[in-house]
N, C-alpha and C. Protein backbone atom coordinates (compact mmCIF):
# COMPACT_ATOMS: atom_id res chain seq x y z
N MET A 1 0.93 -1.49 -0.10
CA MET A 1 0.26 0.27 0.31
C MET A 1 1.03 1.41 -0.20
N THR A 2 0.79 2.21 -0.75
CA THR A 2 1.15 3.39 -0.70
C THR A 2 0.68 4.46 0.37
N LEU A 3 1.72 5.32 1.12
CA LEU A 3 1.11 6.13 1.99
C LEU A 3 0.80 7.37 1.43
N ALA A 4 0.03 7.99 1.63
CA ALA A 4 -0.54 9.67 1.49
C ALA A 4 0.94 10.61 1.65
N PRO A 5 1.10 11.32 0.63
CA PRO A 5 2.62 11.94 1.08
C PRO A 5 2.20 13.27 2.55
N THR A 6 3.02 13.36 3.29
CA THR A 6 2.78 13.81 4.21
C THR A 6 2.64 15.23 4.14
N LEU A 7 2.08 16.22 5.06
CA LEU A 7 1.66 17.55 4.65
C LEU A 7 2.93 18.11 4.46
N LYS A 8 3.68 17.93 5.18
CA LYS A 8 4.86 19.02 4.27
C LYS A 8 5.71 18.21 3.70
N GLN A 9 5.24 17.14 2.76
CA GLN A 9 5.50 17.01 1.35
C GLN A 9 4.90 17.94 0.53
N GLN A 10 3.39 17.93 0.90
CA GLN A 10 2.51 18.21 -0.10
C GLN A 10 3.16 19.73 -0.25
N ALA A 11 3.21 20.43 1.13
CA ALA A 11 3.71 22.14 0.83
C ALA A 11 4.73 22.07 0.20
N GLY A 12 6.07 21.43 0.48
CA GLY A 12 7.64 21.76 -0.57
C GLY A 12 6.97 21.54 -1.89
N GLU A 13 6.52 20.36 -2.05
CA GLU A 13 6.34 20.05 -3.79
C GLU A 13 5.45 20.94 -3.84
N PHE A 14 4.60 21.41 -3.63
CA PHE A 14 3.38 22.52 -4.60
C PHE A 14 4.10 24.20 -4.67
N ALA A 15 4.91 24.13 -3.59
CA ALA A 15 5.85 25.69 -3.46
C ALA A 15 7.14 25.39 -4.91
N ALA A 16 7.56 24.34 -5.07
CA ALA A 16 8.08 23.79 -6.45
C ALA A 16 7.98 24.57 -7.91
N GLN A 17 6.80 24.52 -7.54
CA GLN A 17 5.96 25.12 -8.87
C GLN A 17 6.50 26.83 -9.14
N PHE A 18 6.97 27.29 -8.43
CA PHE A 18 7.04 28.88 -8.44
C PHE A 18 8.34 28.90 -9.11
N VAL A 19 9.08 27.81 -9.40
CA VAL A 19 10.37 27.97 -10.00
C VAL A 19 10.40 27.63 -11.83
N ARG A 20 10.97 28.49 -12.27
CA ARG A 20 10.83 28.72 -13.77
C ARG A 20 12.65 28.37 -14.20
N SER A 21 12.78 27.95 -15.62
CA SER A 21 14.15 27.73 -15.75
C SER A 21 14.82 29.19 -16.14
N GLY A 22 16.17 28.67 -15.82
CA GLY A 22 16.89 30.17 -16.06
C GLY A 22 17.22 30.37 -14.33
N MET A 23 16.20 30.33 -13.10
CA MET A 23 16.15 31.22 -12.35
C MET A 23 17.13 30.95 -10.90
N VAL A 24 18.12 31.57 -10.49
CA VAL A 24 18.57 31.85 -9.18
C VAL A 24 17.47 31.26 -7.92
N VAL A 25 18.03 29.91 -7.77
CA VAL A 25 16.68 29.94 -6.29
C VAL A 25 17.34 29.68 -5.29
N GLY A 26 16.83 30.13 -4.12
CA GLY A 26 17.14 29.73 -2.53
C GLY A 26 16.78 28.78 -1.82
N LEU A 27 17.88 28.43 -1.48
CA LEU A 27 17.09 26.35 -1.08
C LEU A 27 17.24 26.66 0.51
N GLY A 28 15.90 26.57 1.16
CA GLY A 28 15.88 26.10 2.62
C GLY A 28 16.26 25.17 3.31
N THR A 29 16.51 25.60 4.81
CA THR A 29 16.87 24.46 5.31
C THR A 29 15.67 24.11 6.11
N GLY A 30 15.98 22.44 6.08
CA GLY A 30 14.35 21.91 7.32
C GLY A 30 13.58 20.71 6.76
N SER A 31 13.21 20.22 7.33
CA SER A 31 12.23 19.03 7.27
C SER A 31 11.34 19.50 5.86
N THR A 32 10.66 20.99 5.58
CA THR A 32 9.47 21.27 4.79
C THR A 32 10.12 21.60 3.56
N ALA A 33 11.39 22.33 3.79
CA ALA A 33 11.77 22.73 2.41
C ALA A 33 12.49 22.08 1.71
N ILE A 34 13.15 20.90 2.47
CA ILE A 34 13.82 19.87 1.64
C ILE A 34 12.62 19.14 0.75
N PHE A 35 11.65 18.62 0.58
CA PHE A 35 11.00 18.13 -0.21
C PHE A 35 10.76 19.41 -1.60
N ALA A 36 11.08 20.57 -1.00
CA ALA A 36 10.73 21.68 -2.31
C ALA A 36 12.02 21.27 -3.51
N VAL A 37 13.19 21.07 -2.61
CA VAL A 37 14.89 20.84 -3.51
C VAL A 37 14.81 19.86 -4.19
N ARG A 38 14.08 18.40 -3.43
CA ARG A 38 13.99 17.26 -4.04
C ARG A 38 13.13 17.19 -5.45
N MET A 39 11.62 18.09 -5.06
CA MET A 39 11.21 18.34 -6.26
C MET A 39 11.73 18.86 -7.78
N ILE A 40 12.53 19.73 -7.01
CA ILE A 40 12.99 20.73 -8.03
C ILE A 40 14.31 19.84 -8.49
N ALA A 41 15.13 18.87 -8.38
CA ALA A 41 15.99 18.33 -8.48
C ALA A 41 14.89 17.20 -9.84
N GLN A 42 14.10 16.70 -9.24
CA GLN A 42 13.09 15.94 -10.25
C GLN A 42 12.99 16.67 -11.58
N ARG A 43 12.35 17.30 -11.42
CA ARG A 43 12.01 18.26 -12.40
C ARG A 43 13.55 19.01 -13.82
N LEU A 44 14.01 18.89 -12.96
CA LEU A 44 15.52 19.18 -13.72
C LEU A 44 15.64 17.93 -14.52
N ALA A 45 15.94 17.03 -13.50
CA ALA A 45 16.26 15.51 -14.16
C ALA A 45 15.37 14.95 -15.20
N SER A 46 14.18 15.29 -15.08
CA SER A 46 12.59 14.89 -16.04
C SER A 46 13.37 15.67 -17.61
N GLY A 47 13.82 17.26 -17.00
CA GLY A 47 13.92 17.92 -18.52
C GLY A 47 12.76 19.34 -18.42
N GLN A 48 11.92 18.88 -17.33
CA GLN A 48 10.65 19.89 -16.85
C GLN A 48 11.28 21.46 -16.83
N LEU A 49 12.62 21.33 -16.24
CA LEU A 49 13.45 22.63 -15.61
C LEU A 49 14.99 22.72 -16.29
N ALA A 50 15.10 23.92 -16.46
CA ALA A 50 16.89 23.79 -17.10
C ALA A 50 17.32 24.88 -16.69
N ASP A 51 18.76 25.37 -16.50
CA ASP A 51 19.60 25.59 -16.31
C ASP A 51 19.19 26.77 -14.76
N ILE A 52 18.87 26.13 -13.97
CA ILE A 52 18.57 26.39 -12.38
C ILE A 52 19.97 25.96 -11.85
N SER A 53 19.96 27.40 -10.83
CA SER A 53 21.02 27.35 -9.51
C SER A 53 21.09 27.27 -8.74
N GLY A 54 21.44 26.89 -7.47
CA GLY A 54 21.00 27.35 -6.04
C GLY A 54 21.69 27.96 -5.03
N ILE A 55 21.22 29.13 -4.09
CA ILE A 55 21.77 29.44 -3.22
C ILE A 55 21.78 28.69 -1.95
N ALA A 56 22.40 27.67 -1.30
CA ALA A 56 21.66 27.04 -0.29
C ALA A 56 22.22 27.81 1.04
N THR A 57 21.37 27.48 2.28
CA THR A 57 21.23 28.22 3.26
C THR A 57 22.05 27.74 4.26
N SER A 58 22.37 26.47 4.25
CA SER A 58 23.01 25.71 5.25
C SER A 58 24.16 24.73 4.37
N LYS A 59 24.68 24.18 4.98
CA LYS A 59 25.86 23.03 4.44
C LYS A 59 25.04 22.00 4.45
N LEU A 60 24.29 21.69 5.34
CA LEU A 60 23.38 20.53 5.12
C LEU A 60 22.56 20.38 3.79
N VAL A 61 22.04 21.60 3.51
CA VAL A 61 20.97 21.74 2.37
C VAL A 61 22.16 21.89 1.16
N ALA A 62 23.19 21.96 1.18
CA ALA A 62 24.39 22.06 0.18
C ALA A 62 24.71 20.43 -0.21
N GLU A 63 24.95 20.10 0.80
CA GLU A 63 25.39 18.60 0.92
C GLU A 63 23.99 17.62 -0.02
N GLU A 64 22.81 18.28 0.28
CA GLU A 64 21.88 17.36 -0.40
C GLU A 64 21.79 17.75 -1.81
N ALA A 65 21.32 19.52 -2.10
CA ALA A 65 21.68 19.49 -3.59
C ALA A 65 22.68 19.02 -4.51
N HIS A 66 24.48 18.94 -3.91
CA HIS A 66 25.16 17.98 -4.61
C HIS A 66 24.57 16.88 -4.89
N ARG A 67 24.01 15.91 -3.62
CA ARG A 67 24.00 14.65 -4.17
C ARG A 67 22.13 14.51 -4.86
N LEU A 68 22.03 15.77 -5.38
CA LEU A 68 20.98 15.84 -6.68
C LEU A 68 21.03 16.11 -7.60
N ASN A 69 22.28 16.84 -7.91
CA ASN A 69 23.17 16.93 -8.55
C ASN A 69 22.10 18.79 -9.49
N VAL A 70 22.00 19.57 -8.41
CA VAL A 70 21.55 20.55 -8.32
C VAL A 70 22.70 21.77 -8.27
N LEU A 71 22.89 22.29 -9.36
CA LEU A 71 24.34 23.42 -9.09
C LEU A 71 23.80 24.38 -8.54
N LEU A 72 25.03 24.60 -7.81
CA LEU A 72 24.94 25.73 -6.93
C LEU A 72 25.34 27.07 -7.10
N GLU A 73 25.42 27.63 -6.87
CA GLU A 73 25.99 29.09 -7.04
C GLU A 73 27.22 29.32 -5.90
N SER A 74 28.17 29.82 -5.97
CA SER A 74 29.16 30.35 -4.60
C SER A 74 28.23 31.09 -3.28
N ASP A 75 28.67 30.98 -2.56
CA ASP A 75 28.43 31.54 -1.03
C ASP A 75 28.18 33.39 -1.29
N ASP A 76 29.37 33.73 -2.20
CA ASP A 76 29.48 35.09 -1.91
C ASP A 76 27.63 35.78 -2.89
N ILE A 77 26.80 34.75 -3.09
CA ILE A 77 26.05 35.19 -3.57
C ILE A 77 25.89 35.99 -4.93
N PRO A 78 26.57 35.86 -6.20
CA PRO A 78 26.74 36.63 -7.28
C PRO A 78 25.51 37.06 -7.76
N ARG A 79 24.67 36.89 -7.58
CA ARG A 79 23.36 37.38 -8.70
C ARG A 79 22.66 37.14 -8.18
N SER A 80 20.97 37.88 -8.51
CA SER A 80 20.55 37.89 -7.23
C SER A 80 19.23 36.95 -7.67
N ILE A 81 18.78 36.82 -6.60
CA ILE A 81 17.78 35.47 -6.15
C ILE A 81 16.98 35.83 -6.83
N GLU A 82 16.10 34.82 -7.80
CA GLU A 82 14.77 35.04 -8.17
C GLU A 82 13.59 35.07 -6.40
N VAL A 83 13.77 33.79 -6.16
CA VAL A 83 12.74 32.97 -5.18
C VAL A 83 13.59 31.89 -4.37
N THR A 84 12.90 32.24 -3.62
CA THR A 84 13.66 31.31 -2.08
C THR A 84 12.53 30.32 -1.64
N ILE A 85 12.71 29.00 -1.53
CA ILE A 85 11.21 28.28 -0.86
C ILE A 85 12.10 28.10 0.56
N ASP A 86 11.53 28.08 1.27
CA ASP A 86 12.03 28.15 2.63
C ASP A 86 11.02 27.57 3.99
N GLY A 87 11.21 27.13 4.54
CA GLY A 87 9.98 26.42 5.91
C GLY A 87 9.91 27.61 7.05
N ALA A 88 9.23 27.49 8.13
CA ALA A 88 9.48 28.22 9.37
C ALA A 88 8.84 27.68 10.42
N ASP A 89 9.29 28.34 11.59
CA ASP A 89 8.50 26.86 12.90
C ASP A 89 7.07 27.49 13.71
N GLU A 90 7.22 28.86 12.85
CA GLU A 90 6.08 29.73 13.38
C GLU A 90 5.63 30.84 12.72
N VAL A 91 4.20 30.72 12.24
CA VAL A 91 3.50 31.59 11.51
C VAL A 91 2.43 32.56 12.37
N ASP A 92 2.45 34.37 12.27
CA ASP A 92 1.08 34.72 12.83
C ASP A 92 0.35 35.05 11.08
N PRO A 93 -0.93 35.51 11.62
CA PRO A 93 -1.56 36.30 10.66
C PRO A 93 -1.18 36.89 9.72
N GLN A 94 -0.19 37.71 10.17
CA GLN A 94 0.76 39.19 9.31
C GLN A 94 1.75 38.53 8.28
N MET A 95 1.93 36.93 8.74
CA MET A 95 2.85 36.33 7.99
C MET A 95 4.39 36.48 7.77
N ASN A 96 4.30 36.94 9.62
CA ASN A 96 5.92 37.47 10.23
C ASN A 96 6.13 35.42 10.95
N LEU A 97 7.85 35.56 10.88
CA LEU A 97 7.92 34.14 11.36
C LEU A 97 9.06 33.81 12.48
N ILE A 98 9.11 32.89 13.27
CA ILE A 98 9.87 32.28 13.36
C ILE A 98 10.46 31.59 12.97
N LYS A 99 12.13 31.66 12.77
CA LYS A 99 12.89 30.39 11.75
C LYS A 99 14.28 30.22 12.88
N GLY A 100 14.96 29.64 12.23
CA GLY A 100 16.13 28.94 13.08
C GLY A 100 15.78 27.62 14.13
N GLY A 101 15.26 27.03 13.95
CA GLY A 101 14.56 25.46 14.33
C GLY A 101 15.53 24.59 14.05
N GLY A 102 16.33 24.94 12.86
CA GLY A 102 17.04 24.27 12.26
C GLY A 102 18.65 24.81 12.55
N GLY A 103 18.72 25.34 13.26
CA GLY A 103 20.07 26.49 13.42
C GLY A 103 20.95 27.68 12.16
N ALA A 104 19.96 27.62 11.13
CA ALA A 104 20.68 28.16 9.84
C ALA A 104 19.74 29.48 9.56
N LEU A 105 19.44 29.97 11.03
CA LEU A 105 18.52 31.58 10.76
C LEU A 105 19.47 33.02 9.95
N PHE A 106 20.51 32.80 10.56
CA PHE A 106 21.86 33.73 9.79
C PHE A 106 21.92 33.73 8.36
N ARG A 107 21.74 32.80 7.99
CA ARG A 107 22.26 32.51 6.36
C ARG A 107 20.83 32.25 5.89
N GLU A 108 19.48 31.92 6.23
CA GLU A 108 18.59 31.93 5.93
C GLU A 108 18.06 33.63 5.72
N LYS A 109 18.52 34.32 6.64
CA LYS A 109 17.97 35.72 6.75
C LYS A 109 18.67 36.49 5.59
N ILE A 110 19.83 36.24 5.76
CA ILE A 110 20.53 36.72 4.26
C ILE A 110 20.03 36.46 2.72
N VAL A 111 19.59 34.99 2.88
CA VAL A 111 19.46 34.64 1.49
C VAL A 111 17.89 35.48 1.15
N ALA A 112 17.21 35.16 2.26
CA ALA A 112 15.53 35.75 2.07
C ALA A 112 15.29 37.19 1.39
N GLN A 113 16.22 37.95 2.68
CA GLN A 113 16.83 39.45 2.08
C GLN A 113 16.84 39.88 0.53
N ALA A 114 17.90 38.93 0.15
CA ALA A 114 18.42 38.95 -1.11
C ALA A 114 17.85 38.62 -2.43
N SER A 115 16.48 37.83 -2.00
CA SER A 115 15.13 37.38 -2.57
C SER A 115 14.37 38.39 -3.18
N LYS A 116 13.70 38.43 -4.70
CA LYS A 116 12.54 39.22 -5.04
C LYS A 116 11.54 38.54 -4.34
N ARG A 117 11.67 37.43 -4.23
CA ARG A 117 10.25 36.84 -3.69
C ARG A 117 10.52 35.46 -2.38
N VAL A 118 10.19 35.34 -1.72
CA VAL A 118 10.21 34.46 -0.60
C VAL A 118 8.84 33.49 -0.40
N VAL A 119 9.05 32.51 -0.40
CA VAL A 119 7.80 31.67 -0.44
C VAL A 119 8.02 30.67 0.89
N ILE A 120 7.15 30.81 1.70
CA ILE A 120 7.04 30.14 3.17
C ILE A 120 6.44 28.72 2.75
N VAL A 121 6.68 27.70 3.21
CA VAL A 121 6.30 26.36 3.46
C VAL A 121 6.15 25.36 4.95
N VAL A 122 4.97 25.34 5.23
CA VAL A 122 4.32 24.76 6.61
C VAL A 122 3.36 23.76 6.28
N ASP A 123 3.04 23.30 7.23
CA ASP A 123 1.55 22.48 7.41
C ASP A 123 0.97 23.40 8.37
N GLU A 124 -0.48 23.15 8.56
CA GLU A 124 -1.12 24.24 9.29
C GLU A 124 -0.95 23.97 10.51
N SER A 125 -0.01 23.14 11.56
CA SER A 125 0.87 23.23 12.80
C SER A 125 1.37 24.26 13.32
N LYS A 126 2.01 24.95 12.24
CA LYS A 126 2.88 25.92 12.42
C LYS A 126 2.10 27.65 12.20
N LEU A 127 0.75 27.37 12.10
CA LEU A 127 0.23 28.65 12.46
C LEU A 127 0.01 28.78 13.46
N SER A 128 -0.12 30.04 13.99
CA SER A 128 -0.30 30.88 15.35
C SER A 128 -0.98 31.93 15.31
N PRO A 129 -1.67 32.80 16.37
CA PRO A 129 -1.94 33.51 16.26
C PRO A 129 -1.03 35.01 17.28
N HIS A 130 0.17 34.34 17.62
CA HIS A 130 1.22 35.12 18.13
C HIS A 130 2.52 34.65 17.86
N LEU A 131 3.84 35.06 17.41
CA LEU A 131 4.39 34.57 17.09
C LEU A 131 5.36 34.26 18.83
N GLY A 132 5.66 32.87 19.13
CA GLY A 132 5.85 32.80 20.46
C GLY A 132 5.34 31.98 21.33
N THR A 133 4.16 31.86 20.54
CA THR A 133 2.76 31.32 21.42
C THR A 133 3.29 29.66 21.08
N HIS A 134 4.14 29.18 20.22
CA HIS A 134 4.25 27.54 20.29
C HIS A 134 6.13 27.12 19.79
N HIS A 135 6.68 28.20 19.98
CA HIS A 135 7.85 27.83 19.46
C HIS A 135 8.98 29.04 20.50
N SER A 136 10.02 28.60 20.67
CA SER A 136 11.14 29.08 21.45
C SER A 136 11.71 30.03 20.11
N LEU A 137 12.39 31.76 20.56
CA LEU A 137 13.02 32.08 19.57
C LEU A 137 14.25 31.95 19.45
N PRO A 138 14.94 31.48 18.43
CA PRO A 138 16.27 31.15 18.22
C PRO A 138 17.52 32.77 18.09
N VAL A 139 17.92 32.63 18.60
CA VAL A 139 19.18 34.46 18.50
C VAL A 139 20.38 33.42 18.90
N GLU A 140 21.03 33.67 17.41
CA GLU A 140 22.33 33.35 17.08
C GLU A 140 23.52 34.09 18.01
N VAL A 141 24.33 34.09 18.56
CA VAL A 141 25.08 34.78 19.22
C VAL A 141 26.83 34.17 18.76
N THR A 142 27.77 35.47 19.19
CA THR A 142 29.28 35.11 19.43
C THR A 142 29.87 34.22 20.74
N ALA A 143 30.30 33.56 20.38
CA ALA A 143 31.10 32.68 21.48
C ALA A 143 31.45 33.66 22.42
N PHE A 144 31.86 34.86 21.69
CA PHE A 144 32.72 35.89 23.04
C PHE A 144 31.61 36.88 23.75
N GLY A 145 31.52 36.32 24.93
CA GLY A 145 30.57 37.34 25.51
C GLY A 145 29.15 36.60 25.60
N TRP A 146 28.97 35.58 24.91
CA TRP A 146 27.79 34.83 25.06
C TRP A 146 26.87 35.12 26.31
N ARG A 147 27.74 35.07 27.43
CA ARG A 147 26.85 34.91 28.67
C ARG A 147 26.42 36.60 29.01
N SER A 148 26.84 37.55 28.67
CA SER A 148 26.10 38.80 28.52
C SER A 148 24.67 39.12 28.11
N GLN A 149 25.08 37.96 26.55
CA GLN A 149 23.75 37.94 25.80
C GLN A 149 22.50 37.76 26.77
N GLN A 150 23.25 36.30 27.05
CA GLN A 150 21.93 35.66 27.82
C GLN A 150 21.02 37.00 28.89
N ARG A 151 21.98 37.69 30.00
CA ARG A 151 21.71 37.85 30.32
C ARG A 151 20.93 39.48 30.36
N PHE A 152 20.96 39.65 28.61
CA PHE A 152 20.52 40.84 28.11
C PHE A 152 19.47 40.20 27.78
N LEU A 153 18.98 39.12 27.43
CA LEU A 153 17.85 38.63 27.07
C LEU A 153 17.02 38.06 27.78
N GLU A 154 17.86 37.58 28.78
CA GLU A 154 16.66 37.46 30.30
C GLU A 154 15.92 38.98 31.34
N ASN A 155 16.93 39.58 30.76
CA ASN A 155 16.35 41.17 30.96
C ASN A 155 15.44 41.81 30.00
N CYS A 156 15.43 41.55 29.06
CA CYS A 156 14.04 41.10 27.87
C CYS A 156 12.81 40.52 28.22
N GLY A 157 12.99 39.33 29.33
CA GLY A 157 11.10 39.01 29.50
C GLY A 157 11.80 37.27 29.10
N ALA A 158 12.86 37.04 28.49
CA ALA A 158 13.24 35.21 27.80
C ALA A 158 13.67 34.54 28.89
N ARG A 159 12.91 33.32 28.95
CA ARG A 159 14.06 32.02 29.83
C ARG A 159 14.71 31.64 28.54
N VAL A 160 15.86 31.31 29.25
CA VAL A 160 16.95 31.39 27.83
C VAL A 160 17.97 29.94 28.21
N ALA A 161 18.20 29.31 27.35
CA ALA A 161 18.84 27.45 27.14
C ALA A 161 19.55 27.87 25.85
N VAL A 162 20.76 27.67 26.24
CA VAL A 162 21.75 27.24 25.13
C VAL A 162 21.68 25.75 24.64
N ARG A 163 21.09 26.43 22.80
CA ARG A 163 21.54 24.88 22.14
C ARG A 163 22.40 23.69 21.98
N GLN A 164 21.80 23.06 22.72
CA GLN A 164 22.50 21.74 22.34
C GLN A 164 22.27 20.57 21.52
N ARG A 165 23.27 20.09 20.87
CA ARG A 165 23.21 18.89 20.17
C ARG A 165 22.60 17.33 20.35
N GLN A 166 22.42 16.78 20.13
CA GLN A 166 21.94 15.27 20.89
C GLN A 166 22.57 14.75 21.28
N ASP A 167 24.03 15.01 20.96
CA ASP A 167 25.01 14.14 22.02
C ASP A 167 25.57 15.25 23.55
N GLY A 168 24.83 16.03 23.64
CA GLY A 168 24.91 16.96 24.70
C GLY A 168 26.03 17.56 24.37
N ALA A 169 26.55 18.04 23.44
CA ALA A 169 27.98 19.27 22.49
C ALA A 169 26.98 20.38 22.41
N THR A 170 27.60 21.39 22.89
CA THR A 170 26.90 22.41 22.94
C THR A 170 26.85 22.65 21.01
N PHE A 171 25.40 23.07 20.30
CA PHE A 171 25.25 23.24 18.85
C PHE A 171 26.10 24.80 18.57
N ILE A 172 27.10 24.11 17.35
CA ILE A 172 27.92 25.41 16.63
C ILE A 172 27.20 25.64 15.34
N THR A 173 27.02 26.87 15.37
CA THR A 173 26.35 26.94 13.39
C THR A 173 27.09 27.10 12.60
N ASP A 174 27.11 26.68 11.26
CA ASP A 174 27.72 26.73 10.03
C ASP A 174 28.77 28.29 10.17
N SER A 175 28.40 28.95 10.94
CA SER A 175 29.12 30.02 10.92
C SER A 175 29.93 30.32 12.46
N GLY A 176 30.15 29.58 12.89
CA GLY A 176 30.81 29.22 14.13
C GLY A 176 30.32 29.83 15.83
N ASN A 177 28.81 29.85 15.80
CA ASN A 177 28.28 30.72 16.43
C ASN A 177 27.74 29.87 17.31
N LEU A 178 27.33 30.39 18.71
CA LEU A 178 26.30 29.73 19.69
C LEU A 178 24.50 30.18 19.03
N ILE A 179 23.52 29.44 19.78
CA ILE A 179 22.49 29.75 19.58
C ILE A 179 21.66 29.61 20.68
N LEU A 180 20.88 30.86 21.49
CA LEU A 180 20.27 31.05 22.56
C LEU A 180 18.87 30.95 22.42
N ASP A 181 18.14 29.67 22.89
CA ASP A 181 16.59 29.60 22.22
C ASP A 181 16.33 30.28 23.61
N CYS A 182 15.21 31.07 23.04
CA CYS A 182 14.29 32.40 24.26
C CYS A 182 12.86 31.89 24.14
N GLU A 183 12.64 31.53 25.64
CA GLU A 183 11.52 31.79 25.43
C GLU A 183 10.49 32.49 26.11
N PHE A 184 9.91 33.11 25.55
CA PHE A 184 9.51 34.97 25.39
C PHE A 184 7.99 34.56 25.67
N GLY A 185 7.37 33.33 25.69
CA GLY A 185 5.62 33.21 25.56
C GLY A 185 5.51 34.37 24.31
N PRO A 186 4.10 34.62 24.17
CA PRO A 186 3.24 35.34 23.16
C PRO A 186 4.29 36.68 23.03
N ILE A 187 4.79 36.73 21.40
CA ILE A 187 5.31 38.04 21.63
C ILE A 187 4.28 39.16 20.71
N ARG A 188 4.16 40.30 21.68
CA ARG A 188 2.72 40.71 21.19
C ARG A 188 3.15 42.09 20.02
N ASP A 189 4.41 42.73 19.40
CA ASP A 189 5.04 43.42 18.95
C ASP A 189 6.47 42.70 18.51
N PRO A 190 6.24 41.84 17.67
CA PRO A 190 7.66 41.26 16.97
C PRO A 190 8.50 42.38 16.32
N GLU A 191 8.01 43.15 15.71
CA GLU A 191 9.25 44.63 14.88
C GLU A 191 9.43 45.10 16.03
N ALA A 192 8.80 45.36 17.08
CA ALA A 192 9.98 46.28 18.65
C ALA A 192 10.90 45.21 19.12
N LEU A 193 10.75 44.15 19.16
CA LEU A 193 11.42 43.24 19.25
C LEU A 193 12.73 42.76 18.78
N ALA A 194 11.96 42.61 17.26
CA ALA A 194 13.67 42.75 16.56
C ALA A 194 14.21 43.67 15.87
N LEU A 195 13.80 44.80 16.30
CA LEU A 195 14.94 46.14 16.30
C LEU A 195 15.98 46.15 17.55
N LYS A 196 15.14 45.61 18.52
CA LYS A 196 16.21 45.51 19.59
C LYS A 196 17.06 45.32 20.13
N LEU A 197 16.83 43.40 19.25
CA LEU A 197 17.93 42.55 19.41
C LEU A 197 18.69 43.00 18.01
N ALA A 198 18.50 43.56 16.78
CA ALA A 198 19.51 43.86 16.24
C ALA A 198 20.46 44.99 16.63
N ALA A 199 19.81 45.82 17.27
CA ALA A 199 20.36 46.61 18.00
C ALA A 199 21.59 45.77 18.96
N ARG A 200 21.95 44.95 19.43
CA ARG A 200 23.09 44.29 20.74
C ARG A 200 23.96 44.08 19.92
N ALA A 201 25.11 44.38 19.88
CA ALA A 201 26.15 44.22 19.65
C ALA A 201 26.32 42.81 20.09
N GLY A 202 27.42 41.71 19.71
CA GLY A 202 27.16 40.70 20.15
C GLY A 202 26.13 39.07 19.16
N ILE A 203 24.97 39.92 19.49
CA ILE A 203 23.60 39.13 18.82
C ILE A 203 24.26 39.51 17.00
N ILE A 204 24.23 37.92 16.84
CA ILE A 204 24.79 38.16 15.19
C ILE A 204 23.32 38.18 14.22
N GLU A 205 22.33 37.26 14.51
CA GLU A 205 20.95 37.43 13.76
C GLU A 205 19.95 36.83 15.25
N HIS A 206 18.60 36.90 14.94
CA HIS A 206 17.66 36.45 15.31
C HIS A 206 16.60 35.65 14.36
N GLY A 207 15.82 34.70 15.08
CA GLY A 207 14.86 34.31 14.24
C GLY A 207 14.01 34.94 13.72
N LEU A 208 13.37 36.36 14.60
CA LEU A 208 12.09 36.82 13.78
C LEU A 208 12.40 37.55 12.32
N PHE A 209 11.25 36.89 11.80
CA PHE A 209 11.42 37.24 10.08
C PHE A 209 10.14 38.19 10.01
N VAL A 210 10.24 39.57 9.90
CA VAL A 210 9.16 40.09 9.86
C VAL A 210 8.93 41.02 8.48
N GLY A 211 7.94 40.67 8.19
CA GLY A 211 7.71 41.68 6.76
C GLY A 211 8.44 40.67 5.44
N ILE A 212 8.93 40.06 6.14
CA ILE A 212 10.27 39.36 4.90
C ILE A 212 9.48 38.35 3.87
N ALA A 213 8.72 37.38 4.35
CA ALA A 213 7.90 36.25 3.39
C ALA A 213 6.74 37.09 2.31
N THR A 214 6.78 36.78 0.94
CA THR A 214 6.05 37.23 0.16
C THR A 214 4.64 35.93 0.15
N ASP A 215 4.53 35.29 0.08
CA ASP A 215 3.82 34.24 -0.23
C ASP A 215 4.04 33.09 0.65
N LEU A 216 3.01 32.58 1.21
CA LEU A 216 2.97 31.29 2.26
C LEU A 216 2.43 30.70 2.07
N VAL A 217 2.40 28.81 1.63
CA VAL A 217 1.71 27.89 1.20
C VAL A 217 1.83 26.97 2.58
N VAL A 218 0.87 26.96 2.52
CA VAL A 218 0.03 25.78 3.87
C VAL A 218 -0.49 24.70 3.45
N ALA A 219 -0.43 23.72 4.23
CA ALA A 219 -0.92 22.13 3.69
C ALA A 219 -1.71 21.49 4.90
N GLY A 220 -2.44 21.67 4.45
CA GLY A 220 -3.67 21.08 6.19
C GLY A 220 -4.36 20.03 5.57
N THR A 221 -5.36 19.09 6.63
CA THR A 221 -5.94 18.35 6.09
C THR A 221 -7.11 18.58 4.94
N GLU A 222 -7.61 20.07 4.65
CA GLU A 222 -8.24 20.43 3.32
C GLU A 222 -7.76 20.55 2.20
N GLY A 223 -6.53 20.79 2.37
CA GLY A 223 -5.56 20.71 1.17
C GLY A 223 -4.58 21.98 1.13
N ILE A 224 -4.34 22.53 0.33
CA ILE A 224 -3.34 23.57 -0.01
C ILE A 224 -4.06 24.99 -0.09
N ARG A 225 -3.15 25.42 0.86
CA ARG A 225 -3.72 27.24 0.65
C ARG A 225 -2.58 27.81 0.46
N HIS A 226 -2.65 29.25 -0.74
CA HIS A 226 -1.52 29.59 -0.77
C HIS A 226 -1.88 31.01 -0.57
N LEU A 227 -1.39 31.88 0.23
CA LEU A 227 -1.40 33.44 0.59
C LEU A 227 -0.33 34.07 0.18
N ARG A 228 -1.04 35.48 -0.38
CA ARG A 228 0.43 36.65 -0.46
C ARG A 228 0.09 37.52 0.28
N ARG A 229 1.62 38.37 0.25
CA ARG A 229 1.16 39.59 1.53
C ARG A 229 0.45 39.96 0.83
N GLU A 230 0.06 40.65 -0.68
CA GLU A 230 -0.78 41.75 -0.53
C GLU A 230 -2.08 41.26 -0.73
N ASN A 231 -2.54 40.39 0.18
CA ASN A 231 -4.00 39.68 0.16
C ASN A 231 -4.60 39.96 1.45
N LEU A 232 -3.38 39.81 2.67
CA LEU A 232 -3.62 39.94 3.87
C LEU A 232 -4.51 41.07 4.14
């Protein structure tokens, strides 16, 4: 018996339709976005797409792209990115996001901000009335002085934990930094918090993606929904 595709797979594969031949495509990191990467690779192999190159948002997705024979641009992003397809950990009604559960938020935000179109793919469990309701906020910090960042974040109202790998070692990002996972509870003003965190020396990046997503693809039990920012 063939099992029905998961909601994550449905969302990722649906989003791959936004890719056209000749595009530079941002390849997101995570369990949903990887289905889009695999569908792009299938369409390339079948001849439905041609002349596609990708910008990988993490070393992990770069390895997957190489395995699937998807050509990658260099990490200096030499050309404009037409569309990025990526996942999210939480999405509010204004299409603001929390990202960084996979530890790639720094590179993901660089790629997203360099893209003309940012398509976010999620299953319906990621929808939330307020960011922070169901997911902690990842904050990437330098190893130097990280405890001062922990105190700063606690003073901002968060409960802070240093992210660890499954083997108990400290998680280190692709850029050599630490991640502090911050439990703020429901974030009533994500834009104000984003500005406050961005102004702090030693915070490399945070997982609040405010006003960045242009499209949202949501897979649920009743099918696929595609929302665009101008329709909110």
